[in-house]
Amino acid sequence: MLEMQSKQSELAQARQLLAKMKELQNKAGDDDCTEMPADMAQWLDNHGVDYDRTGNDLRHNKNEWNINIEHLNAWIQNYNSSIELDMLQIQSLMNKRNQSLEMASNIMKKSTEAKEAILRNI
């Protein structure tokens, strides 16, 4: 569960970065550039998200920002899929737990019924 919370936090950060990228893209023109914040580049590097490295700097025009946005969107979609798979696994484990508890309850009930039948016969 802690891992799920951590993943949700990572996803929230990614969505915030996506909003910031779109804001920076709107400020940039076709020829004008805006600077990618260093912490944004660091986050992208840490999470394996590719981004435009044209010019070997963090300055991006509208088209370069579009590439960055596409890469981050793809990462978000993949991460969402990962979270959904984790949720399915948790659901499966909960179903197995419930089945085990139901089986234990049935065994205890049958045991009690058998003991009561023995006592009635005595």
PDB file of N, CA and C in Angstrom:
ATOM      1  N   MET A   1       0.827  -1.193   0.000  1.00  0.00           N
ATOM      2  CA  MET A   1       0.000   0.000   0.000  1.00  0.00           C
ATOM      3  C   MET A   1       0.877   1.265   0.000  1.00  0.00           C
ATOM      4  N   LEU A   2       1.990   1.194   0.729  1.00  0.00           N
ATOM      5  CA  LEU A   2       2.898   2.345   0.738  1.00  0.00           C
ATOM      6  C   LEU A   2       3.470   2.593  -0.651  1.00  0.00           C
ATOM      7  N   GLU A   3       3.738   1.500  -1.364  1.00  0.00           N
ATOM      8  CA  GLU A   3       4.251   1.627  -2.723  1.00  0.00           C
ATOM      9  C   GLU A   3       3.200   2.286  -3.623  1.00  0.00           C
ATOM     10  N   MET A   4       1.944   1.929  -3.420  1.00  0.00           N
ATOM     11  CA  MET A   4       0.865   2.531  -4.217  1.00  0.00           C
ATOM     12  C   MET A   4       0.784   4.034  -3.939  1.00  0.00           C
ATOM     13  N   GLN A   5       0.909   4.414  -2.681  1.00  0.00           N
ATOM     14  CA  GLN A   5       0.885   5.835  -2.330  1.00  0.00           C
ATOM     15  C   GLN A   5       2.056   6.563  -2.973  1.00  0.00           C
ATOM     16  N   SER A   6       3.207   5.915  -2.966  1.00  0.00           N
ATOM     17  CA  SER A   6       4.393   6.506  -3.573  1.00  0.00           C
ATOM     18  C   SER A   6       4.194   6.691  -5.077  1.00  0.00           C
ATOM     19  N   LYS A   7       3.617   5.696  -5.723  1.00  0.00           N
ATOM     20  CA  LYS A   7       3.360   5.790  -7.162  1.00  0.00           C
ATOM     21  C   LYS A   7       2.356   6.896  -7.471  1.00  0.00           C
ATOM     22  N   GLN A   8       1.350   7.022  -6.634  1.00  0.00           N
ATOM     23  CA  GLN A   8       0.361   8.080  -6.836  1.00  0.00           C
ATOM     24  C   GLN A   8       1.011   9.451  -6.691  1.00  0.00           C
ATOM     25  N   SER A   9       1.938   9.568  -5.749  1.00  0.00           N
ATOM     26  CA  SER A   9       2.664  10.820  -5.553  1.00  0.00           C
ATOM     27  C   SER A   9       3.525  11.134  -6.776  1.00  0.00           C
ATOM     28  N   GLU A  10       4.207  10.117  -7.299  1.00  0.00           N
ATOM     29  CA  GLU A  10       5.027  10.301  -8.502  1.00  0.00           C
ATOM     30  C   GLU A  10       4.163  10.755  -9.677  1.00  0.00           C
ATOM     31  N   LEU A  11       3.001  10.165  -9.790  1.00  0.00           N
ATOM     32  CA  LEU A  11       2.089  10.516 -10.878  1.00  0.00           C
ATOM     33  C   LEU A  11       1.602  11.952 -10.739  1.00  0.00           C
ATOM     34  N   ALA A  12       1.326  12.363  -9.512  1.00  0.00           N
ATOM     35  CA  ALA A  12       0.906  13.748  -9.279  1.00  0.00           C
ATOM     36  C   ALA A  12       2.023  14.720  -9.663  1.00  0.00           C
ATOM     37  N   GLN A  13       3.261  14.378  -9.325  1.00  0.00           N
ATOM     38  CA  GLN A  13       4.393  15.222  -9.704  1.00  0.00           C
ATOM     39  C   GLN A  13       4.514  15.310 -11.219  1.00  0.00           C
ATOM     40  N   ALA A  14       4.333  14.186 -11.892  1.00  0.00           N
ATOM     41  CA  ALA A  14       4.432  14.164 -13.357  1.00  0.00           C
ATOM     42  C   ALA A  14       3.353  15.051 -13.975  1.00  0.00           C
ATOM     43  N   ARG A  15       2.169  15.018 -13.420  1.00  0.00           N
ATOM     44  CA  ARG A  15       1.083  15.853 -13.949  1.00  0.00           C
ATOM     45  C   ARG A  15       1.370  17.332 -13.719  1.00  0.00           C
ATOM     46  N   GLN A  16       1.978  17.661 -12.597  1.00  0.00           N
ATOM     47  CA  GLN A  16       2.366  19.047 -12.342  1.00  0.00           C
ATOM     48  C   GLN A  16       3.429  19.494 -13.347  1.00  0.00           C
ATOM     49  N   LEU A  17       4.394  18.624 -13.617  1.00  0.00           N
ATOM     50  CA  LEU A  17       5.428  18.944 -14.598  1.00  0.00           C
ATOM     51  C   LEU A  17       4.824  19.114 -15.986  1.00  0.00           C
ATOM     52  N   LEU A  18       3.849  18.294 -16.311  1.00  0.00           N
ATOM     53  CA  LEU A  18       3.190  18.394 -17.609  1.00  0.00           C
ATOM     54  C   LEU A  18       2.495  19.754 -17.752  1.00  0.00           C
ATOM     55  N   ALA A  19       1.825  20.176 -16.700  1.00  0.00           N
ATOM     56  CA  ALA A  19       1.169  21.486 -16.728  1.00  0.00           C
ATOM     57  C   ALA A  19       2.204  22.599 -16.886  1.00  0.00           C
ATOM     58  N   LYS A  20       3.333  22.490 -16.187  1.00  0.00           N
ATOM     59  CA  LYS A  20       4.398  23.483 -16.290  1.00  0.00           C
ATOM     60  C   LYS A  20       4.996  23.492 -17.694  1.00  0.00           C
ATOM     61  N   MET A  21       5.159  22.297 -18.295  1.00  0.00           N
ATOM     62  CA  MET A  21       5.682  22.226 -19.662  1.00  0.00           C
ATOM     63  C   MET A  21       4.748  22.938 -20.639  1.00  0.00           C
ATOM     64  N   LYS A  22       3.464  22.716 -20.469  1.00  0.00           N
ATOM     65  CA  LYS A  22       2.497  23.357 -21.369  1.00  0.00           C
ATOM     66  C   LYS A  22       2.525  24.874 -21.203  1.00  0.00           C
ATOM     67  N   GLU A  23       2.711  25.311 -19.967  1.00  0.00           N
ATOM     68  CA  GLU A  23       2.815  26.746 -19.695  1.00  0.00           C
ATOM     69  C   GLU A  23       4.052  27.332 -20.380  1.00  0.00           C
ATOM     70  N   LEU A  24       5.188  26.639 -20.262  1.00  0.00           N
ATOM     71  CA  LEU A  24       6.426  27.091 -20.898  1.00  0.00           C
ATOM     72  C   LEU A  24       6.318  27.034 -22.422  1.00  0.00           C
ATOM     73  N   GLN A  25       5.608  26.053 -22.936  1.00  0.00           N
ATOM     74  CA  GLN A  25       5.407  25.948 -24.377  1.00  0.00           C
ATOM     75  C   GLN A  25       4.601  27.146 -24.892  1.00  0.00           C
ATOM     76  N   ASN A  26       3.586  27.536 -24.133  1.00  0.00           N
ATOM     77  CA  ASN A  26       2.764  28.681 -24.537  1.00  0.00           C
ATOM     78  C   ASN A  26       3.558  29.983 -24.522  1.00  0.00           C
ATOM     79  N   LYS A  27       4.530  30.077 -23.626  1.00  0.00           N
ATOM     80  CA  LYS A  27       5.377  31.275 -23.556  1.00  0.00           C
ATOM     81  C   LYS A  27       6.392  31.318 -24.692  1.00  0.00           C
ATOM     82  N   ALA A  28       6.763  30.137 -25.174  1.00  0.00           N
ATOM     83  CA  ALA A  28       7.764  30.065 -26.247  1.00  0.00           C
ATOM     84  C   ALA A  28       7.081  30.282 -27.590  1.00  0.00           C
ATOM     85  N   GLY A  29       7.846  30.786 -28.527  1.00  0.00           N
ATOM     86  CA  GLY A  29       7.335  30.938 -29.885  1.00  0.00           C
ATOM     87  C   GLY A  29       7.988  29.902 -30.784  1.00  0.00           C
ATOM     88  N   ASP A  30       7.729  30.006 -32.079  1.00  0.00           N
ATOM     89  CA  ASP A  30       8.354  29.071 -33.014  1.00  0.00           C
ATOM     90  C   ASP A  30       9.866  29.258 -33.033  1.00  0.00           C
ATOM     91  N   ASP A  31      10.300  30.505 -32.918  1.00  0.00           N
ATOM     92  CA  ASP A  31      11.734  30.788 -32.912  1.00  0.00           C
ATOM     93  C   ASP A  31      12.240  31.165 -31.524  1.00  0.00           C
ATOM     94  N   ASP A  32      11.337  31.658 -30.663  1.00  0.00           N
ATOM     95  CA  ASP A  32      11.720  32.028 -29.301  1.00  0.00           C
ATOM     96  C   ASP A  32      11.782  30.774 -28.440  1.00  0.00           C
ATOM     97  N   CYS A  33      12.628  30.820 -27.441  1.00  0.00           N
ATOM     98  CA  CYS A  33      12.807  29.668 -26.565  1.00  0.00           C
ATOM     99  C   CYS A  33      12.523  30.052 -25.128  1.00  0.00           C
ATOM    100  N   THR A  34      12.119  29.060 -24.361  1.00  0.00           N
ATOM    101  CA  THR A  34      12.023  29.216 -22.914  1.00  0.00           C
ATOM    102  C   THR A  34      12.919  28.154 -22.290  1.00  0.00           C
ATOM    103  N   GLU A  35      13.387  28.471 -21.113  1.00  0.00           N
ATOM    104  CA  GLU A  35      14.341  27.610 -20.408  1.00  0.00           C
ATOM    105  C   GLU A  35      13.605  26.560 -19.582  1.00  0.00           C
ATOM    106  N   MET A  36      14.047  25.312 -19.702  1.00  0.00           N
ATOM    107  CA  MET A  36      13.519  24.252 -18.849  1.00  0.00           C
ATOM    108  C   MET A  36      14.197  24.380 -17.486  1.00  0.00           C
ATOM    109  N   PRO A  37      13.408  24.455 -16.412  1.00  0.00           N
ATOM    110  CA  PRO A  37      14.030  24.526 -15.085  1.00  0.00           C
ATOM    111  C   PRO A  37      14.907  23.300 -14.823  1.00  0.00           C
ATOM    112  N   ALA A  38      15.983  23.514 -14.112  1.00  0.00           N
ATOM    113  CA  ALA A  38      16.932  22.427 -13.835  1.00  0.00           C
ATOM    114  C   ALA A  38      16.276  21.302 -13.040  1.00  0.00           C
ATOM    115  N   ASP A  39      15.378  21.654 -12.101  1.00  0.00           N
ATOM    116  CA  ASP A  39      14.727  20.606 -11.320  1.00  0.00           C
ATOM    117  C   ASP A  39      13.795  19.756 -12.186  1.00  0.00           C
ATOM    118  N   MET A  40      13.213  20.351 -13.221  1.00  0.00           N
ATOM    119  CA  MET A  40      12.377  19.596 -14.148  1.00  0.00           C
ATOM    120  C   MET A  40      13.245  18.599 -14.923  1.00  0.00           C
ATOM    121  N   ALA A  41      14.382  19.076 -15.441  1.00  0.00           N
ATOM    122  CA  ALA A  41      15.296  18.199 -16.173  1.00  0.00           C
ATOM    123  C   ALA A  41      15.798  17.072 -15.272  1.00  0.00           C
ATOM    124  N   GLN A  42      16.077  17.402 -14.022  1.00  0.00           N
ATOM    125  CA  GLN A  42      16.550  16.395 -13.068  1.00  0.00           C
ATOM    126  C   GLN A  42      15.479  15.334 -12.823  1.00  0.00           C
ATOM    127  N   TRP A  43      14.234  15.761 -12.647  1.00  0.00           N
ATOM    128  CA  TRP A  43      13.130  14.822 -12.427  1.00  0.00           C
ATOM    129  C   TRP A  43      12.983  13.909 -13.646  1.00  0.00           C
ATOM    130  N   LEU A  44      13.020  14.486 -14.828  1.00  0.00           N
ATOM    131  CA  LEU A  44      12.886  13.699 -16.055  1.00  0.00           C
ATOM    132  C   LEU A  44      14.022  12.685 -16.166  1.00  0.00           C
ATOM    133  N   ASP A  45      15.244  13.123 -15.880  1.00  0.00           N
ATOM    134  CA  ASP A  45      16.395  12.212 -15.911  1.00  0.00           C
ATOM    135  C   ASP A  45      16.242  11.091 -14.887  1.00  0.00           C
ATOM    136  N   ASN A  46      15.842  11.445 -13.673  1.00  0.00           N
ATOM    137  CA  ASN A  46      15.697  10.457 -12.600  1.00  0.00           C
ATOM    138  C   ASN A  46      14.640   9.409 -12.908  1.00  0.00           C
ATOM    139  N   HIS A  47      13.619   9.781 -13.683  1.00  0.00           N
ATOM    140  CA  HIS A  47      12.514   8.869 -13.971  1.00  0.00           C
ATOM    141  C   HIS A  47      12.589   8.266 -15.378  1.00  0.00           C
ATOM    142  N   GLY A  48      13.701   8.485 -16.050  1.00  0.00           N
ATOM    143  CA  GLY A  48      13.907   7.873 -17.353  1.00  0.00           C
ATOM    144  C   GLY A  48      13.027   8.422 -18.457  1.00  0.00           C
ATOM    145  N   VAL A  49      12.590   9.665 -18.298  1.00  0.00           N
ATOM    146  CA  VAL A  49      11.754  10.298 -19.320  1.00  0.00           C
ATOM    147  C   VAL A  49      12.663  11.061 -20.267  1.00  0.00           C
ATOM    148  N   ASP A  50      12.577  10.720 -21.533  1.00  0.00           N
ATOM    149  CA  ASP A  50      13.400  11.388 -22.533  1.00  0.00           C
ATOM    150  C   ASP A  50      12.843  12.781 -22.799  1.00  0.00           C
ATOM    151  N   TYR A  51      13.703  13.692 -23.160  1.00  0.00           N
ATOM    152  CA  TYR A  51      13.271  15.039 -23.546  1.00  0.00           C
ATOM    153  C   TYR A  51      14.223  15.570 -24.598  1.00  0.00           C
ATOM    154  N   ASP A  52      13.793  16.603 -25.293  1.00  0.00           N
ATOM    155  CA  ASP A  52      14.561  17.152 -26.401  1.00  0.00           C
ATOM    156  C   ASP A  52      15.882  17.727 -25.901  1.00  0.00           C
ATOM    157  N   ARG A  53      16.957  17.329 -26.555  1.00  0.00           N
ATOM    158  CA  ARG A  53      18.290  17.804 -26.165  1.00  0.00           C
ATOM    159  C   ARG A  53      18.967  18.550 -27.321  1.00  0.00           C
ATOM    160  N   THR A  54      18.142  19.073 -28.227  1.00  0.00           N
ATOM    161  CA  THR A  54      18.672  19.831 -29.358  1.00  0.00           C
ATOM    162  C   THR A  54      19.459  21.026 -28.844  1.00  0.00           C
ATOM    163  N   GLY A  55      20.620  21.214 -29.399  1.00  0.00           N
ATOM    164  CA  GLY A  55      21.466  22.330 -28.987  1.00  0.00           C
ATOM    165  C   GLY A  55      22.229  22.052 -27.714  1.00  0.00           C
ATOM    166  N   ASN A  56      22.038  20.861 -27.148  1.00  0.00           N
ATOM    167  CA  ASN A  56      22.744  20.475 -25.930  1.00  0.00           C
ATOM    168  C   ASN A  56      22.513  21.462 -24.783  1.00  0.00           C
ATOM    169  N   ASP A  57      21.288  22.009 -24.736  1.00  0.00           N
ATOM    170  CA  ASP A  57      20.934  22.934 -23.650  1.00  0.00           C
ATOM    171  C   ASP A  57      19.500  22.654 -23.216  1.00  0.00           C
ATOM    172  N   LEU A  58      19.028  23.444 -22.279  1.00  0.00           N
ATOM    173  CA  LEU A  58      17.668  23.268 -21.765  1.00  0.00           C
ATOM    174  C   LEU A  58      16.704  24.310 -22.329  1.00  0.00           C
ATOM    175  N   ARG A  59      17.123  25.000 -23.394  1.00  0.00           N
ATOM    176  CA  ARG A  59      16.256  25.985 -24.032  1.00  0.00           C
ATOM    177  C   ARG A  59      15.454  25.283 -25.126  1.00  0.00           C
ATOM    178  N   HIS A  60      14.128  25.529 -25.112  1.00  0.00           N
ATOM    179  CA  HIS A  60      13.244  24.839 -26.046  1.00  0.00           C
ATOM    180  C   HIS A  60      12.274  25.810 -26.698  1.00  0.00           C
ATOM    181  N   ASN A  61      12.064  25.599 -28.012  1.00  0.00           N
ATOM    182  CA  ASN A  61      11.024  26.359 -28.704  1.00  0.00           C
ATOM    183  C   ASN A  61       9.711  25.568 -28.626  1.00  0.00           C
ATOM    184  N   LYS A  62       8.664  26.059 -29.263  1.00  0.00           N
ATOM    185  CA  LYS A  62       7.344  25.443 -29.186  1.00  0.00           C
ATOM    186  C   LYS A  62       7.372  23.973 -29.627  1.00  0.00           C
ATOM    187  N   ASN A  63       8.053  23.692 -30.738  1.00  0.00           N
ATOM    188  CA  ASN A  63       8.109  22.317 -31.246  1.00  0.00           C
ATOM    189  C   ASN A  63       8.892  21.387 -30.322  1.00  0.00           C
ATOM    190  N   GLU A  64       9.971  21.891 -29.763  1.00  0.00           N
ATOM    191  CA  GLU A  64      10.757  21.085 -28.834  1.00  0.00           C
ATOM    192  C   GLU A  64       9.959  20.794 -27.562  1.00  0.00           C
ATOM    193  N   TRP A  65       9.204  21.792 -27.097  1.00  0.00           N
ATOM    194  CA  TRP A  65       8.347  21.560 -25.941  1.00  0.00           C
ATOM    195  C   TRP A  65       7.303  20.510 -26.257  1.00  0.00           C
ATOM    196  N   ASN A  66       6.798  20.522 -27.487  1.00  0.00           N
ATOM    197  CA  ASN A  66       5.806  19.528 -27.892  1.00  0.00           C
ATOM    198  C   ASN A  66       6.385  18.115 -27.780  1.00  0.00           C
ATOM    199  N   ILE A  67       7.635  17.952 -28.172  1.00  0.00           N
ATOM    200  CA  ILE A  67       8.314  16.647 -28.047  1.00  0.00           C
ATOM    201  C   ILE A  67       8.400  16.248 -26.571  1.00  0.00           C
ATOM    202  N   ASN A  68       8.797  17.201 -25.728  1.00  0.00           N
ATOM    203  CA  ASN A  68       8.905  16.923 -24.291  1.00  0.00           C
ATOM    204  C   ASN A  68       7.550  16.508 -23.713  1.00  0.00           C
ATOM    205  N   ILE A  69       6.513  17.211 -24.120  1.00  0.00           N
ATOM    206  CA  ILE A  69       5.159  16.922 -23.632  1.00  0.00           C
ATOM    207  C   ILE A  69       4.721  15.529 -24.072  1.00  0.00           C
ATOM    208  N   GLU A  70       5.013  15.166 -25.309  1.00  0.00           N
ATOM    209  CA  GLU A  70       4.666  13.830 -25.805  1.00  0.00           C
ATOM    210  C   GLU A  70       5.369  12.740 -25.010  1.00  0.00           C
ATOM    211  N   HIS A  71       6.650  12.945 -24.720  1.00  0.00           N
ATOM    212  CA  HIS A  71       7.406  11.948 -23.947  1.00  0.00           C
ATOM    213  C   HIS A  71       6.842  11.818 -22.527  1.00  0.00           C
ATOM    214  N   LEU A  72       6.537  12.938 -21.906  1.00  0.00           N
ATOM    215  CA  LEU A  72       6.000  12.882 -20.540  1.00  0.00           C
ATOM    216  C   LEU A  72       4.602  12.271 -20.541  1.00  0.00           C
ATOM    217  N   ASN A  73       3.791  12.583 -21.529  1.00  0.00           N
ATOM    218  CA  ASN A  73       2.457  11.964 -21.634  1.00  0.00           C
ATOM    219  C   ASN A  73       2.575  10.450 -21.765  1.00  0.00           C
ATOM    220  N   ALA A  74       3.508   9.987 -22.576  1.00  0.00           N
ATOM    221  CA  ALA A  74       3.712   8.542 -22.741  1.00  0.00           C
ATOM    222  C   ALA A  74       4.130   7.911 -21.410  1.00  0.00           C
ATOM    223  N   TRP A  75       5.020   8.590 -20.675  1.00  0.00           N
ATOM    224  CA  TRP A  75       5.458   8.076 -19.374  1.00  0.00           C
ATOM    225  C   TRP A  75       4.270   7.992 -18.412  1.00  0.00           C
ATOM    226  N   ILE A  76       3.441   9.038 -18.401  1.00  0.00           N
ATOM    227  CA  ILE A  76       2.270   9.058 -17.516  1.00  0.00           C
ATOM    228  C   ILE A  76       1.325   7.905 -17.865  1.00  0.00           C
ATOM    229  N   GLN A  77       1.083   7.673 -19.134  1.00  0.00           N
ATOM    230  CA  GLN A  77       0.196   6.579 -19.537  1.00  0.00           C
ATOM    231  C   GLN A  77       0.765   5.226 -19.115  1.00  0.00           C
ATOM    232  N   ASN A  78       2.060   5.029 -19.308  1.00  0.00           N
ATOM    233  CA  ASN A  78       2.690   3.769 -18.882  1.00  0.00           C
ATOM    234  C   ASN A  78       2.624   3.601 -17.373  1.00  0.00           C
ATOM    235  N   TYR A  79       2.846   4.673 -16.653  1.00  0.00           N
ATOM    236  CA  TYR A  79       2.808   4.620 -15.188  1.00  0.00           C
ATOM    237  C   TYR A  79       1.394   4.338 -14.702  1.00  0.00           C
ATOM    238  N   ASN A  80       0.405   4.944 -15.359  1.00  0.00           N
ATOM    239  CA  ASN A  80      -1.000   4.655 -15.038  1.00  0.00           C
ATOM    240  C   ASN A  80      -1.300   3.180 -15.233  1.00  0.00           C
ATOM    241  N   SER A  81      -0.807   2.610 -16.317  1.00  0.00           N
ATOM    242  CA  SER A  81      -1.016   1.185 -16.588  1.00  0.00           C
ATOM    243  C   SER A  81      -0.380   0.338 -15.493  1.00  0.00           C
ATOM    244  N   SER A  82       0.799   0.726 -15.064  1.00  0.00           N
ATOM    245  CA  SER A  82       1.484   0.012 -13.991  1.00  0.00           C
ATOM    246  C   SER A  82       0.664   0.056 -12.701  1.00  0.00           C
ATOM    247  N   ILE A  83       0.111   1.211 -12.392  1.00  0.00           N
ATOM    248  CA  ILE A  83      -0.701   1.360 -11.190  1.00  0.00           C
ATOM    249  C   ILE A  83      -1.963   0.507 -11.304  1.00  0.00           C
ATOM    250  N   GLU A  84      -2.571   0.485 -12.482  1.00  0.00           N
ATOM    251  CA  GLU A  84      -3.773  -0.331 -12.682  1.00  0.00           C
ATOM    252  C   GLU A  84      -3.457  -1.816 -12.496  1.00  0.00           C
ATOM    253  N   LEU A  85      -2.313  -2.264 -12.997  1.00  0.00           N
ATOM    254  CA  LEU A  85      -1.917  -3.666 -12.800  1.00  0.00           C
ATOM    255  C   LEU A  85      -1.691  -3.965 -11.324  1.00  0.00           C
ATOM    256  N   ASP A  86      -1.082  -3.036 -10.617  1.00  0.00           N
ATOM    257  CA  ASP A  86      -0.889  -3.211  -9.173  1.00  0.00           C
ATOM    258  C   ASP A  86      -2.226  -3.320  -8.455  1.00  0.00           C
ATOM    259  N   MET A  87      -3.180  -2.498  -8.861  1.00  0.00           N
ATOM    260  CA  MET A  87      -4.506  -2.536  -8.237  1.00  0.00           C
ATOM    261  C   MET A  87      -5.200  -3.872  -8.508  1.00  0.00           C
ATOM    262  N   LEU A  88      -5.045  -4.390  -9.720  1.00  0.00           N
ATOM    263  CA  LEU A  88      -5.622  -5.700 -10.041  1.00  0.00           C
ATOM    264  C   LEU A  88      -4.983  -6.798  -9.200  1.00  0.00           C
ATOM    265  N   GLN A  89      -3.677  -6.694  -8.989  1.00  0.00           N
ATOM    266  CA  GLN A  89      -2.989  -7.684  -8.164  1.00  0.00           C
ATOM    267  C   GLN A  89      -3.482  -7.609  -6.717  1.00  0.00           C
ATOM    268  N   ILE A  90      -3.658  -6.412  -6.207  1.00  0.00           N
ATOM    269  CA  ILE A  90      -4.177  -6.253  -4.840  1.00  0.00           C
ATOM    270  C   ILE A  90      -5.582  -6.829  -4.745  1.00  0.00           C
ATOM    271  N   GLN A  91      -6.402  -6.552  -5.748  1.00  0.00           N
ATOM    272  CA  GLN A  91      -7.766  -7.074  -5.759  1.00  0.00           C
ATOM    273  C   GLN A  91      -7.757  -8.606  -5.778  1.00  0.00           C
ATOM    274  N   SER A  92      -6.869  -9.189  -6.571  1.00  0.00           N
ATOM    275  CA  SER A  92      -6.757 -10.646  -6.633  1.00  0.00           C
ATOM    276  C   SER A  92      -6.345 -11.217  -5.272  1.00  0.00           C
ATOM    277  N   LEU A  93      -5.384 -10.576  -4.629  1.00  0.00           N
ATOM    278  CA  LEU A  93      -4.953 -11.030  -3.301  1.00  0.00           C
ATOM    279  C   LEU A  93      -6.073 -10.924  -2.274  1.00  0.00           C
ATOM    280  N   MET A  94      -6.850  -9.856  -2.363  1.00  0.00           N
ATOM    281  CA  MET A  94      -7.985  -9.695  -1.434  1.00  0.00           C
ATOM    282  C   MET A  94      -9.038 -10.783  -1.676  1.00  0.00           C
ATOM    283  N   ASN A  95      -9.278 -11.118  -2.943  1.00  0.00           N
ATOM    284  CA  ASN A  95     -10.231 -12.187  -3.261  1.00  0.00           C
ATOM    285  C   ASN A  95      -9.755 -13.520  -2.703  1.00  0.00           C
ATOM    286  N   LYS A  96      -8.454 -13.807  -2.842  1.00  0.00           N
ATOM    287  CA  LYS A  96      -7.901 -15.051  -2.294  1.00  0.00           C
ATOM    288  C   LYS A  96      -8.021 -15.077  -0.777  1.00  0.00           C
ATOM    289  N   ARG A  97      -7.778 -13.943  -0.147  1.00  0.00           N
ATOM    290  CA  ARG A  97      -7.908 -13.845   1.309  1.00  0.00           C
ATOM    291  C   ARG A  97      -9.341 -14.124   1.728  1.00  0.00           C
ATOM    292  N   ASN A  98     -10.289 -13.514   1.032  1.00  0.00           N
ATOM    293  CA  ASN A  98     -11.701 -13.717   1.363  1.00  0.00           C
ATOM    294  C   ASN A  98     -12.111 -15.175   1.160  1.00  0.00           C
ATOM    295  N   GLN A  99     -11.617 -15.804   0.106  1.00  0.00           N
ATOM    296  CA  GLN A  99     -11.915 -17.215  -0.129  1.00  0.00           C
ATOM    297  C   GLN A  99     -11.347 -18.084   0.987  1.00  0.00           C
ATOM    298  N   SER A 100     -10.145 -17.766   1.430  1.00  0.00           N
ATOM    299  CA  SER A 100      -9.525 -18.526   2.518  1.00  0.00           C
ATOM    300  C   SER A 100     -10.318 -18.379   3.804  1.00  0.00           C
ATOM    301  N   LEU A 101     -10.748 -17.170   4.105  1.00  0.00           N
ATOM    302  CA  LEU A 101     -11.549 -16.947   5.315  1.00  0.00           C
ATOM    303  C   LEU A 101     -12.883 -17.674   5.231  1.00  0.00           C
ATOM    304  N   GLU A 102     -13.497 -17.661   4.054  1.00  0.00           N
ATOM    305  CA  GLU A 102     -14.776 -18.355   3.876  1.00  0.00           C
ATOM    306  C   GLU A 102     -14.597 -19.862   4.041  1.00  0.00           C
ATOM    307  N   MET A 103     -13.506 -20.398   3.488  1.00  0.00           N
ATOM    308  CA  MET A 103     -13.240 -21.826   3.618  1.00  0.00           C
ATOM    309  C   MET A 103     -12.994 -22.192   5.080  1.00  0.00           C
ATOM    310  N   ALA A 104     -12.232 -21.386   5.798  1.00  0.00           N
ATOM    311  CA  ALA A 104     -11.977 -21.647   7.214  1.00  0.00           C
ATOM    312  C   ALA A 104     -13.280 -21.599   8.006  1.00  0.00           C
ATOM    313  N   SER A 105     -14.122 -20.640   7.676  1.00  0.00           N
ATOM    314  CA  SER A 105     -15.417 -20.533   8.353  1.00  0.00           C
ATOM    315  C   SER A 105     -16.276 -21.767   8.089  1.00  0.00           C
ATOM    316  N   ASN A 106     -16.293 -22.227   6.854  1.00  0.00           N
ATOM    317  CA  ASN A 106     -17.070 -23.428   6.510  1.00  0.00           C
ATOM    318  C   ASN A 106     -16.544 -24.662   7.232  1.00  0.00           C
ATOM    319  N   ILE A 107     -15.227 -24.792   7.336  1.00  0.00           N
ATOM    320  CA  ILE A 107     -14.628 -25.930   8.037  1.00  0.00           C
ATOM    321  C   ILE A 107     -15.005 -25.900   9.506  1.00  0.00           C
ATOM    322  N   MET A 108     -14.949 -24.707  10.110  1.00  0.00           N
ATOM    323  CA  MET A 108     -15.311 -24.584  11.531  1.00  0.00           C
ATOM    324  C   MET A 108     -16.796 -24.907  11.736  1.00  0.00           C
ATOM    325  N   LYS A 109     -17.627 -24.480  10.824  1.00  0.00           N
ATOM    326  CA  LYS A 109     -19.071 -24.740  10.928  1.00  0.00           C
ATOM    327  C   LYS A 109     -19.332 -26.244  10.845  1.00  0.00           C
ATOM    328  N   LYS A 110     -18.700 -26.926   9.885  1.00  0.00           N
ATOM    329  CA  LYS A 110     -18.893 -28.369   9.727  1.00  0.00           C
ATOM    330  C   LYS A 110     -18.347 -29.123  10.941  1.00  0.00           C
ATOM    331  N   SER A 111     -17.244 -28.645  11.489  1.00  0.00           N
ATOM    332  CA  SER A 111     -16.679 -29.272  12.673  1.00  0.00           C
ATOM    333  C   SER A 111     -17.639 -29.152  13.850  1.00  0.00           C
ATOM    334  N   THR A 112     -18.206 -27.976  14.016  1.00  0.00           N
ATOM    335  CA  THR A 112     -19.172 -27.754  15.100  1.00  0.00           C
ATOM    336  C   THR A 112     -20.396 -28.630  14.907  1.00  0.00           C
ATOM    337  N   GLU A 113     -20.880 -28.725  13.671  1.00  0.00           N
ATOM    338  CA  GLU A 113     -22.051 -29.568  13.392  1.00  0.00           C
ATOM    339  C   GLU A 113     -21.745 -31.034  13.684  1.00  0.00           C
ATOM    340  N   ALA A 114     -20.535 -31.477  13.338  1.00  0.00           N
ATOM    341  CA  ALA A 114     -20.147 -32.866  13.597  1.00  0.00           C
ATOM    342  C   ALA A 114     -20.073 -33.130  15.097  1.00  0.00           C
ATOM    343  N   LYS A 115     -19.518 -32.192  15.860  1.00  0.00           N
ATOM    344  CA  LYS A 115     -19.430 -32.356  17.312  1.00  0.00           C
ATOM    345  C   LYS A 115     -20.817 -32.386  17.936  1.00  0.00           C
ATOM    346  N   GLU A 116     -21.721 -31.522  17.452  1.00  0.00           N
ATOM    347  CA  GLU A 116     -23.097 -31.517  17.960  1.00  0.00           C
ATOM    348  C   GLU A 116     -23.801 -32.823  17.649  1.00  0.00           C
ATOM    349  N   ALA A 117     -23.567 -33.399  16.470  1.00  0.00           N
ATOM    350  CA  ALA A 117     -24.182 -34.683  16.101  1.00  0.00           C
ATOM    351  C   ALA A 117     -23.670 -35.801  16.996  1.00  0.00           C
ATOM    352  N   ILE A 118     -22.373 -35.765  17.310  1.00  0.00           N
ATOM    353  CA  ILE A 118     -21.794 -36.768  18.215  1.00  0.00           C
ATOM    354  C   ILE A 118     -22.426 -36.658  19.585  1.00  0.00           C
ATOM    355  N   LEU A 119     -22.567 -35.422  20.080  1.00  0.00           N
ATOM    356  CA  LEU A 119     -23.170 -35.228  21.412  1.00  0.00           C
ATOM    357  C   LEU A 119     -24.626 -35.679  21.434  1.00  0.00           C
ATOM    358  N   ARG A 120     -25.359 -35.468  20.366  1.00  0.00           N
ATOM    359  CA  ARG A 120     -26.769 -35.915  20.302  1.00  0.00           C
ATOM    360  C   ARG A 120     -26.847 -37.432  20.322  1.00  0.00           C
ATOM    361  N   ASN A 121     -25.879 -38.085  19.738  1.00  0.00           N
ATOM    362  CA  ASN A 121     -25.874 -39.541  19.681  1.00  0.00           C
ATOM    363  C   ASN A 121     -25.460 -40.176  21.007  1.00  0.00           C
ATOM    364  N   ILE A 122     -24.838 -39.412  21.871  1.00  0.00           N
ATOM    365  CA  ILE A 122     -24.375 -39.958  23.157  1.00  0.00           C
ATOM    366  C   ILE A 122     -25.481 -39.927  24.115  1.00  0.00           C
TER     367      ILE A 122
END
